[in-house]
């Protein structure tokens, strides 16, 4: 068995979260599915709006793109409460 120095949660997150496509909607119209880095690029190009909604597997409900793209969303979740 190959030894890995990676924390098990990192492996789990990489497989289940980082490779999933986000489904985007605007005004009840499906815009498409993209990886998170592609969504960030499309937003930077002005093709997506903070008011657009996104969803990915595992989410309970749709969320505005603003939640994903806000500076707060890039904070390390392990630094909270320190």
C-alpha atoms as a PDB file:
ATOM      1  CA  UNK A   1       0.000   0.000   0.000  1.00  0.00           C
ATOM      2  CA  UNK A   2       1.343   3.392  -0.972  1.00  0.00           C
ATOM      3  CA  UNK A   3       1.922   5.837   1.909  1.00  0.00           C
ATOM      4  CA  UNK A   4       0.465   9.314   1.638  1.00  0.00           C
ATOM      5  CA  UNK A   5       1.306  12.356   3.751  1.00  0.00           C
ATOM      6  CA  UNK A   6      -1.964  14.030   2.765  1.00  0.00           C
ATOM      7  CA  UNK A   7      -4.531  14.595   5.466  1.00  0.00           C
ATOM      8  CA  UNK A   8      -7.547  12.329   4.716  1.00  0.00           C
ATOM      9  CA  UNK A   9      -9.930  15.307   4.667  1.00  0.00           C
ATOM     10  CA  UNK A  10      -7.842  16.934   1.922  1.00  0.00           C
ATOM     11  CA  UNK A  11      -8.184  13.839  -0.240  1.00  0.00           C
ATOM     12  CA  UNK A  12     -11.938  13.657   0.440  1.00  0.00           C
ATOM     13  CA  UNK A  13     -12.478  17.347  -0.357  1.00  0.00           C
ATOM     14  CA  UNK A  14     -10.429  17.229  -3.528  1.00  0.00           C
ATOM     15  CA  UNK A  15     -12.440  14.343  -4.926  1.00  0.00           C
ATOM     16  CA  UNK A  16     -15.895  15.511  -3.900  1.00  0.00           C
ATOM     17  CA  UNK A  17     -15.765  19.289  -3.998  1.00  0.00           C
ATOM     18  CA  UNK A  18     -13.018  20.654  -6.167  1.00  0.00           C
ATOM     19  CA  UNK A  19     -13.804  18.580  -9.248  1.00  0.00           C
ATOM     20  CA  UNK A  20     -17.549  19.123  -9.235  1.00  0.00           C
ATOM     21  CA  UNK A  21     -19.196  21.387 -11.731  1.00  0.00           C
ATOM     22  CA  UNK A  22     -21.338  24.282 -10.584  1.00  0.00           C
ATOM     23  CA  UNK A  23     -24.730  24.665 -12.240  1.00  0.00           C
ATOM     24  CA  UNK A  24     -25.641  28.309 -12.820  1.00  0.00           C
ATOM     25  CA  UNK A  25     -29.028  29.944 -13.385  1.00  0.00           C
ATOM     26  CA  UNK A  26     -30.123  33.506 -14.102  1.00  0.00           C
ATOM     27  CA  UNK A  27     -33.795  34.524 -14.171  1.00  0.00           C
ATOM     28  CA  UNK A  28     -34.971  30.890 -14.271  1.00  0.00           C
ATOM     29  CA  UNK A  29     -32.729  30.159 -17.284  1.00  0.00           C
ATOM     30  CA  UNK A  30     -29.944  27.603 -17.016  1.00  0.00           C
ATOM     31  CA  UNK A  31     -26.652  29.180 -18.040  1.00  0.00           C
ATOM     32  CA  UNK A  32     -24.573  26.018 -17.918  1.00  0.00           C
ATOM     33  CA  UNK A  33     -22.139  23.978 -15.836  1.00  0.00           C
ATOM     34  CA  UNK A  34     -18.572  24.992 -15.088  1.00  0.00           C
ATOM     35  CA  UNK A  35     -15.762  24.231 -12.663  1.00  0.00           C
ATOM     36  CA  UNK A  36     -15.272  26.864  -9.956  1.00  0.00           C
ATOM     37  CA  UNK A  37     -12.141  28.311 -11.578  1.00  0.00           C
ATOM     38  CA  UNK A  38     -14.052  28.681 -14.859  1.00  0.00           C
ATOM     39  CA  UNK A  39     -16.904  30.435 -13.025  1.00  0.00           C
ATOM     40  CA  UNK A  40     -14.407  32.883 -11.508  1.00  0.00           C
ATOM     41  CA  UNK A  41     -12.933  33.558 -14.964  1.00  0.00           C
ATOM     42  CA  UNK A  42     -16.390  34.096 -16.510  1.00  0.00           C
ATOM     43  CA  UNK A  43     -17.267  36.497 -13.704  1.00  0.00           C
ATOM     44  CA  UNK A  44     -14.001  38.395 -14.195  1.00  0.00           C
ATOM     45  CA  UNK A  45     -14.876  38.733 -17.895  1.00  0.00           C
ATOM     46  CA  UNK A  46     -18.238  40.229 -16.950  1.00  0.00           C
ATOM     47  CA  UNK A  47     -20.304  37.303 -18.252  1.00  0.00           C
ATOM     48  CA  UNK A  48     -21.722  36.315 -14.860  1.00  0.00           C
ATOM     49  CA  UNK A  49     -23.388  38.453 -12.195  1.00  0.00           C
ATOM     50  CA  UNK A  50     -23.236  38.265  -8.401  1.00  0.00           C
ATOM     51  CA  UNK A  51     -27.018  37.859  -8.473  1.00  0.00           C
ATOM     52  CA  UNK A  52     -26.829  34.662 -10.580  1.00  0.00           C
ATOM     53  CA  UNK A  53     -27.533  31.467  -8.634  1.00  0.00           C
ATOM     54  CA  UNK A  54     -25.380  28.356  -8.397  1.00  0.00           C
ATOM     55  CA  UNK A  55     -25.721  24.830  -7.046  1.00  0.00           C
ATOM     56  CA  UNK A  56     -23.501  21.788  -6.796  1.00  0.00           C
ATOM     57  CA  UNK A  57     -24.007  18.278  -5.502  1.00  0.00           C
ATOM     58  CA  UNK A  58     -24.217  18.253  -1.734  1.00  0.00           C
ATOM     59  CA  UNK A  59     -25.759  21.711  -1.364  1.00  0.00           C
ATOM     60  CA  UNK A  60     -29.186  21.864   0.297  1.00  0.00           C
ATOM     61  CA  UNK A  61     -30.357  24.845  -1.750  1.00  0.00           C
ATOM     62  CA  UNK A  62     -29.319  27.271  -4.453  1.00  0.00           C
ATOM     63  CA  UNK A  63     -27.116  30.203  -3.434  1.00  0.00           C
ATOM     64  CA  UNK A  64     -26.329  33.537  -5.075  1.00  0.00           C
ATOM     65  CA  UNK A  65     -22.969  33.603  -6.818  1.00  0.00           C
ATOM     66  CA  UNK A  66     -22.029  36.410  -4.455  1.00  0.00           C
ATOM     67  CA  UNK A  67     -21.665  33.793  -1.677  1.00  0.00           C
ATOM     68  CA  UNK A  68     -19.082  31.896  -3.700  1.00  0.00           C
ATOM     69  CA  UNK A  69     -17.164  34.887  -5.009  1.00  0.00           C
ATOM     70  CA  UNK A  70     -17.087  37.057  -1.892  1.00  0.00           C
ATOM     71  CA  UNK A  71     -13.643  37.642  -0.340  1.00  0.00           C
ATOM     72  CA  UNK A  72     -14.947  35.995   2.821  1.00  0.00           C
ATOM     73  CA  UNK A  73     -15.431  32.676   0.981  1.00  0.00           C
ATOM     74  CA  UNK A  74     -11.660  32.359   0.497  1.00  0.00           C
ATOM     75  CA  UNK A  75     -10.918  32.393   4.236  1.00  0.00           C
ATOM     76  CA  UNK A  76      -9.443  29.293   5.773  1.00  0.00           C
ATOM     77  CA  UNK A  77     -12.274  27.496   7.578  1.00  0.00           C
ATOM     78  CA  UNK A  78      -9.823  26.277  10.223  1.00  0.00           C
ATOM     79  CA  UNK A  79      -8.818  29.830  11.227  1.00  0.00           C
ATOM     80  CA  UNK A  80     -12.305  30.709  12.535  1.00  0.00           C
ATOM     81  CA  UNK A  81     -12.529  31.045  16.276  1.00  0.00           C
ATOM     82  CA  UNK A  82      -8.768  31.269  16.870  1.00  0.00           C
END
